[in-house]
């Protein structure tokens, strides 16, 4: 059994749990984006099972100051994980209304939840977290249904886009501040040409059965292809369960394996 390691101090770092789940920290405050620890969810009338679920138990995560949910699909959050985080930590859950509606049906305490809106910004310690609409929600009136989250600290910024099917116009607001983007390996041409992120971190590639959604990708093949296509951008398939700097020192890019972001 693995446990959550302590994050580095005074630097914006991320830790990849698997699928679309990440922790982000400055060494003091910690947020979790799209917590999926159950290893299974229902999709199109079937149960999708993750072949290699998260190995850090959600019970071991402490502290956690905020949970950021991008949308209602339950491969981006699971009710049991959120219940445990609410019991074991002082976290607040931030999510769009459709996701909060499903959480309420699951008995999750609405008093610990906050409905996000476009451009809503909140300080989590020294971390600044801002919600931006997914492309599907760019022209929606409030309440917004799908979002991504920009997390900033010390001049660095990482954006977790959830399941946006391409970049939203609203994202241009933070383009110049962007250090890294967490995206799935689809619509990559649009992400790179419109947002110009220094680093692209891939998610949504894990193996599932039966796999009737966007998954089951070869991480190294995706990294190699997109690195060849856009050599000025760093493409990464992050190692699980280790803290990695959002701003990548050149020495931490393994020269023997393109796109492998190694831990210290």
Protein backbone atom coordinates (compact mmCIF):
# COMPACT_ATOMS: atom_id res chain seq x y z
CA UNK A 1 0.00 0.00 0.00
CA UNK A 2 1.30 3.44 -0.91
CA UNK A 3 0.69 6.68 0.95
CA UNK A 4 0.64 10.27 -0.19
CA UNK A 5 4.19 11.65 0.01
CA UNK A 6 4.82 15.14 1.34
CA UNK A 7 4.92 17.79 -1.39
CA UNK A 8 7.99 20.01 -1.93
CA UNK A 9 7.94 23.35 -0.16
CA UNK A 10 7.62 26.69 -1.92
CA UNK A 11 7.09 25.39 -5.43
CA UNK A 12 4.00 24.57 -7.44
CA UNK A 13 3.95 20.80 -7.86
CA UNK A 14 1.49 18.17 -8.99
CA UNK A 15 1.00 14.48 -8.26
CA UNK A 16 -0.81 12.13 -10.63
CA UNK A 17 -3.04 9.50 -9.01
CA UNK A 18 -4.26 8.01 -12.32
CA UNK A 19 -6.91 8.58 -15.03
CA UNK A 20 -7.84 12.28 -14.57
CA UNK A 21 -7.03 12.69 -10.85
CA UNK A 22 -4.30 15.03 -9.65
CA UNK A 23 -3.16 16.70 -6.46
CA UNK A 24 -1.60 20.18 -6.70
CA UNK A 25 0.30 21.85 -3.87
CA UNK A 26 2.71 24.61 -2.96
CA UNK A 27 4.02 22.58 -0.03
CA UNK A 28 1.53 24.07 2.41
CA UNK A 29 -1.93 23.95 0.84
CA UNK A 30 -3.15 20.97 -1.19
CA UNK A 31 -6.03 20.63 -3.63
CA UNK A 32 -7.28 17.56 -5.48
CA UNK A 33 -8.72 17.86 -8.98
CA UNK A 34 -11.27 15.29 -10.20
CA UNK A 35 -10.81 12.65 -7.45
CA UNK A 36 -11.53 9.19 -8.89
CA UNK A 37 -10.35 6.40 -6.59
CA UNK A 38 -13.09 3.76 -6.85
CA UNK A 39 -11.71 2.17 -10.02
CA UNK A 40 -15.12 1.81 -11.63
CA UNK A 41 -18.03 3.89 -12.86
CA UNK A 42 -21.17 3.44 -14.90
CA UNK A 43 -21.16 4.57 -18.53
CA UNK A 44 -23.64 3.82 -21.31
CA UNK A 45 -25.42 1.27 -19.14
CA UNK A 46 -22.25 -0.69 -18.37
CA UNK A 47 -19.72 -0.67 -15.55
CA UNK A 48 -16.31 0.54 -16.74
CA UNK A 49 -13.51 -1.02 -14.65
CA UNK A 50 -10.09 0.57 -14.41
CA UNK A 51 -7.43 -2.13 -14.82
CA UNK A 52 -4.87 -0.24 -12.74
CA UNK A 53 -6.78 1.84 -10.18
CA UNK A 54 -5.21 4.51 -7.99
CA UNK A 55 -2.86 2.90 -5.47
CA UNK A 56 -2.71 5.73 -2.94
CA UNK A 57 -5.73 5.17 -0.66
CA UNK A 58 -7.92 8.20 -0.32
CA UNK A 59 -7.92 7.63 3.46
CA UNK A 60 -4.21 8.50 3.53
CA UNK A 61 -4.70 11.95 2.00
CA UNK A 62 -4.25 14.56 4.70
CA UNK A 63 -4.34 17.47 4.65
CA UNK A 64 -6.61 18.37 1.75
CA UNK A 65 -7.90 21.93 1.61
CA UNK A 66 -10.09 21.81 -1.51
CA UNK A 67 -11.58 19.32 -3.96
CA UNK A 68 -12.10 20.62 -7.50
CA UNK A 69 -14.63 18.76 -9.65
CA UNK A 70 -14.83 19.68 -13.33
CA UNK A 71 -18.19 18.13 -14.27
CA UNK A 72 -20.73 15.45 -13.38
CA UNK A 73 -19.21 12.39 -15.10
CA UNK A 74 -18.31 9.93 -12.36
CA UNK A 75 -14.94 8.97 -13.81
CA UNK A 76 -13.92 12.45 -12.62
CA UNK A 77 -15.16 12.04 -9.06
CA UNK A 78 -16.57 9.25 -6.98
CA UNK A 79 -18.91 9.71 -4.06
CA UNK A 80 -17.02 7.47 -1.63
CA UNK A 81 -13.76 9.35 -2.19
CA UNK A 82 -15.45 12.69 -1.56
CA UNK A 83 -17.18 11.36 1.57
CA UNK A 84 -13.85 10.18 2.97
CA UNK A 85 -12.11 13.45 2.16
CA UNK A 86 -14.90 15.39 3.88
CA UNK A 87 -14.63 13.18 6.98
CA UNK A 88 -10.83 13.08 7.18
CA UNK A 89 -9.97 16.66 6.21
CA UNK A 90 -11.32 20.19 6.38
CA UNK A 91 -11.69 20.43 2.61
CA UNK A 92 -14.38 22.26 0.68
CA UNK A 93 -15.75 20.77 -2.55
CA UNK A 94 -15.99 23.13 -5.54
CA UNK A 95 -18.08 21.93 -8.48
CA UNK A 96 -20.60 23.05 -11.13
CA UNK A 97 -24.29 22.70 -10.38
CA UNK A 98 -24.97 19.47 -12.34
CA UNK A 99 -22.21 17.70 -10.41
CA UNK A 100 -23.47 19.11 -7.10
CA UNK A 101 -26.97 17.87 -7.92
CA UNK A 102 -25.65 14.32 -8.33
CA UNK A 103 -23.60 14.65 -5.14
CA UNK A 104 -26.71 15.70 -3.23
CA UNK A 105 -28.43 12.52 -4.43
CA UNK A 106 -25.44 10.60 -3.05
CA UNK A 107 -25.91 12.20 0.36
CA UNK A 108 -22.84 14.44 0.24
CA UNK A 109 -23.17 17.35 2.67
CA UNK A 110 -24.15 20.46 0.65
CA UNK A 111 -22.84 22.61 3.49
CA UNK A 112 -19.30 21.59 2.53
CA UNK A 113 -19.82 22.32 -1.17
CA UNK A 114 -19.58 25.51 -3.24
CA UNK A 115 -21.17 25.98 -6.65
CA UNK A 116 -18.64 27.45 -9.07
CA UNK A 117 -19.30 30.05 -11.74
CA UNK A 118 -17.32 31.34 -14.70
CA UNK A 119 -14.25 33.24 -13.56
CA UNK A 120 -14.86 32.51 -9.88
CA UNK A 121 -11.59 32.77 -7.98
CA UNK A 122 -10.78 31.58 -4.47
CA UNK A 123 -7.61 31.64 -2.38
CA UNK A 124 -6.65 28.26 -0.89
CA UNK A 125 -3.83 29.39 1.34
CA UNK A 126 -1.29 30.82 -1.09
CA UNK A 127 -2.81 28.94 -4.03
CA UNK A 128 -5.13 30.94 -6.26
CA UNK A 129 -7.78 28.75 -7.91
CA UNK A 130 -9.98 30.10 -10.73
CA UNK A 131 -12.72 28.23 -12.61
CA UNK A 132 -13.08 28.68 -16.37
CA UNK A 133 -15.78 27.20 -18.61
CA UNK A 134 -15.13 24.19 -20.80
CA UNK A 135 -15.64 24.88 -24.49
CA UNK A 136 -19.11 23.31 -24.27
CA UNK A 137 -20.02 25.84 -21.58
CA UNK A 138 -18.30 28.91 -23.05
CA UNK A 139 -21.58 30.48 -24.19
CA UNK A 140 -23.78 29.03 -21.46
CA UNK A 141 -25.61 31.27 -19.08
CA UNK A 142 -25.05 30.56 -15.41
CA UNK A 143 -25.11 28.09 -13.81
CA UNK A 144 -22.17 26.77 -15.79
CA UNK A 145 -22.19 22.99 -16.31
CA UNK A 146 -18.56 22.11 -17.11
CA UNK A 147 -15.36 23.83 -16.03
CA UNK A 148 -11.60 23.56 -15.75
CA UNK A 149 -9.45 24.99 -12.97
CA UNK A 150 -6.41 27.25 -13.14
CA UNK A 151 -4.17 26.86 -10.08
CA UNK A 152 -1.51 29.53 -9.55
CA UNK A 153 1.37 30.03 -7.16
CA UNK A 154 4.66 31.90 -7.27
CA UNK A 155 4.39 32.95 -10.91
CA UNK A 156 3.49 29.46 -12.17
CA UNK A 157 0.09 28.24 -13.31
CA UNK A 158 -1.29 24.79 -14.13
CA UNK A 159 -4.68 24.34 -15.81
CA UNK A 160 -6.68 21.12 -15.41
CA UNK A 161 -9.20 21.18 -18.26
CA UNK A 162 -11.47 18.34 -17.07
CA UNK A 163 -13.12 17.00 -20.23
CA UNK A 164 -13.27 20.11 -22.40
CA UNK A 165 -13.52 19.14 -26.07
CA UNK A 166 -11.04 21.79 -27.13
CA UNK A 167 -10.02 25.21 -25.78
CA UNK A 168 -12.67 27.72 -24.76
CA UNK A 169 -12.40 31.37 -25.76
CA UNK A 170 -12.48 32.28 -22.07
CA UNK A 171 -9.10 30.59 -21.61
CA UNK A 172 -7.37 33.36 -23.54
CA UNK A 173 -7.55 35.38 -20.33
CA UNK A 174 -4.81 33.27 -18.69
CA UNK A 175 -2.84 32.25 -21.79
CA UNK A 176 0.14 34.45 -20.97
CA UNK A 177 0.34 33.11 -17.39
CA UNK A 178 0.19 29.43 -18.32
CA UNK A 179 3.03 27.10 -17.34
CA UNK A 180 1.36 23.73 -17.95
CA UNK A 181 -1.96 22.27 -19.11
CA UNK A 182 -3.49 18.93 -18.14
CA UNK A 183 -5.41 17.70 -21.21
CA UNK A 184 -6.48 14.48 -22.86
CA UNK A 185 -4.61 13.54 -26.06
CA UNK A 186 -7.36 14.73 -28.36
CA UNK A 187 -7.88 18.24 -29.77
CA UNK A 188 -4.15 18.67 -29.09
CA UNK A 189 -3.59 20.76 -32.22
CA UNK A 190 -6.12 23.29 -30.92
CA UNK A 191 -4.67 23.33 -27.40
CA UNK A 192 -1.15 23.95 -28.66
CA UNK A 193 -1.86 26.45 -31.43
CA UNK A 194 -4.40 28.50 -29.47
CA UNK A 195 -2.93 28.35 -25.94
CA UNK A 196 0.82 27.87 -26.57
CA UNK A 197 1.43 26.06 -23.26
CA UNK A 198 5.11 25.44 -22.44
CA UNK A 199 4.15 21.99 -21.10
CA UNK A 200 1.27 19.63 -21.89
CA UNK A 201 0.50 16.90 -19.35
CA UNK A 202 -1.66 14.09 -20.67
CA UNK A 203 -4.44 12.36 -18.73
CA UNK A 204 -7.45 10.13 -19.62
CA UNK A 205 -5.24 7.37 -21.08
CA UNK A 206 -5.63 4.58 -18.48
CA UNK A 207 -6.84 1.13 -19.43
CA UNK A 208 -10.49 0.29 -18.76
CA UNK A 209 -12.77 -2.60 -19.64
CA UNK A 210 -14.91 -2.60 -21.72
CA UNK A 211 -13.40 0.78 -22.61
CA UNK A 212 -16.36 2.33 -24.40
CA UNK A 213 -15.16 5.90 -23.85
CA UNK A 214 -11.95 7.85 -24.44
CA UNK A 215 -9.30 5.70 -22.73
CA UNK A 216 -6.90 2.81 -23.41
CA UNK A 217 -4.22 4.95 -25.03
CA UNK A 218 -0.50 4.21 -25.31
CA UNK A 219 1.09 7.05 -23.29
CA UNK A 220 4.52 6.86 -24.90
CA UNK A 221 3.10 6.75 -28.40
CA UNK A 222 1.00 9.84 -27.70
CA UNK A 223 3.98 11.68 -26.22
CA UNK A 224 6.26 10.71 -29.10
CA UNK A 225 3.77 11.70 -31.79
CA UNK A 226 2.92 15.09 -30.34
CA UNK A 227 6.54 15.84 -29.42
CA UNK A 228 7.49 15.25 -33.04
CA UNK A 229 4.62 17.41 -34.28
CA UNK A 230 5.28 20.30 -31.87
CA UNK A 231 8.94 20.11 -30.77
CA UNK A 232 8.76 23.49 -29.01
CA UNK A 233 6.25 22.09 -26.49
CA UNK A 234 7.05 19.59 -23.73
CA UNK A 235 4.58 16.68 -23.76
CA UNK A 236 4.46 14.46 -20.70
CA UNK A 237 2.85 11.26 -19.50
CA UNK A 238 3.41 11.75 -15.77
CA UNK A 239 4.68 9.07 -13.46
CA UNK A 240 2.13 8.16 -10.79
CA UNK A 241 2.38 8.91 -7.07
CA UNK A 242 5.35 11.28 -7.12
CA UNK A 243 5.42 15.06 -6.84
CA UNK A 244 6.59 16.75 -10.02
CA UNK A 245 7.37 20.43 -10.54
CA UNK A 246 4.95 22.32 -12.75
CA UNK A 247 7.90 24.29 -14.10
CA UNK A 248 10.24 21.58 -15.36
CA UNK A 249 14.01 21.94 -14.91
CA UNK A 250 15.72 20.73 -18.07
CA UNK A 251 17.67 18.17 -16.03
CA UNK A 252 14.41 16.45 -15.08
CA UNK A 253 13.48 15.56 -18.66
CA UNK A 254 14.90 12.09 -19.20
CA UNK A 255 17.00 12.29 -22.40
CA UNK A 256 16.59 8.53 -22.94
CA UNK A 257 12.81 8.65 -23.02
CA UNK A 258 11.11 11.62 -24.60
CA UNK A 259 8.39 13.06 -22.40
CA UNK A 260 9.22 11.18 -19.23
CA UNK A 261 9.14 13.65 -16.34
CA UNK A 262 11.26 12.07 -13.65
CA UNK A 263 11.13 12.72 -9.93
CA UNK A 264 14.21 14.03 -8.07
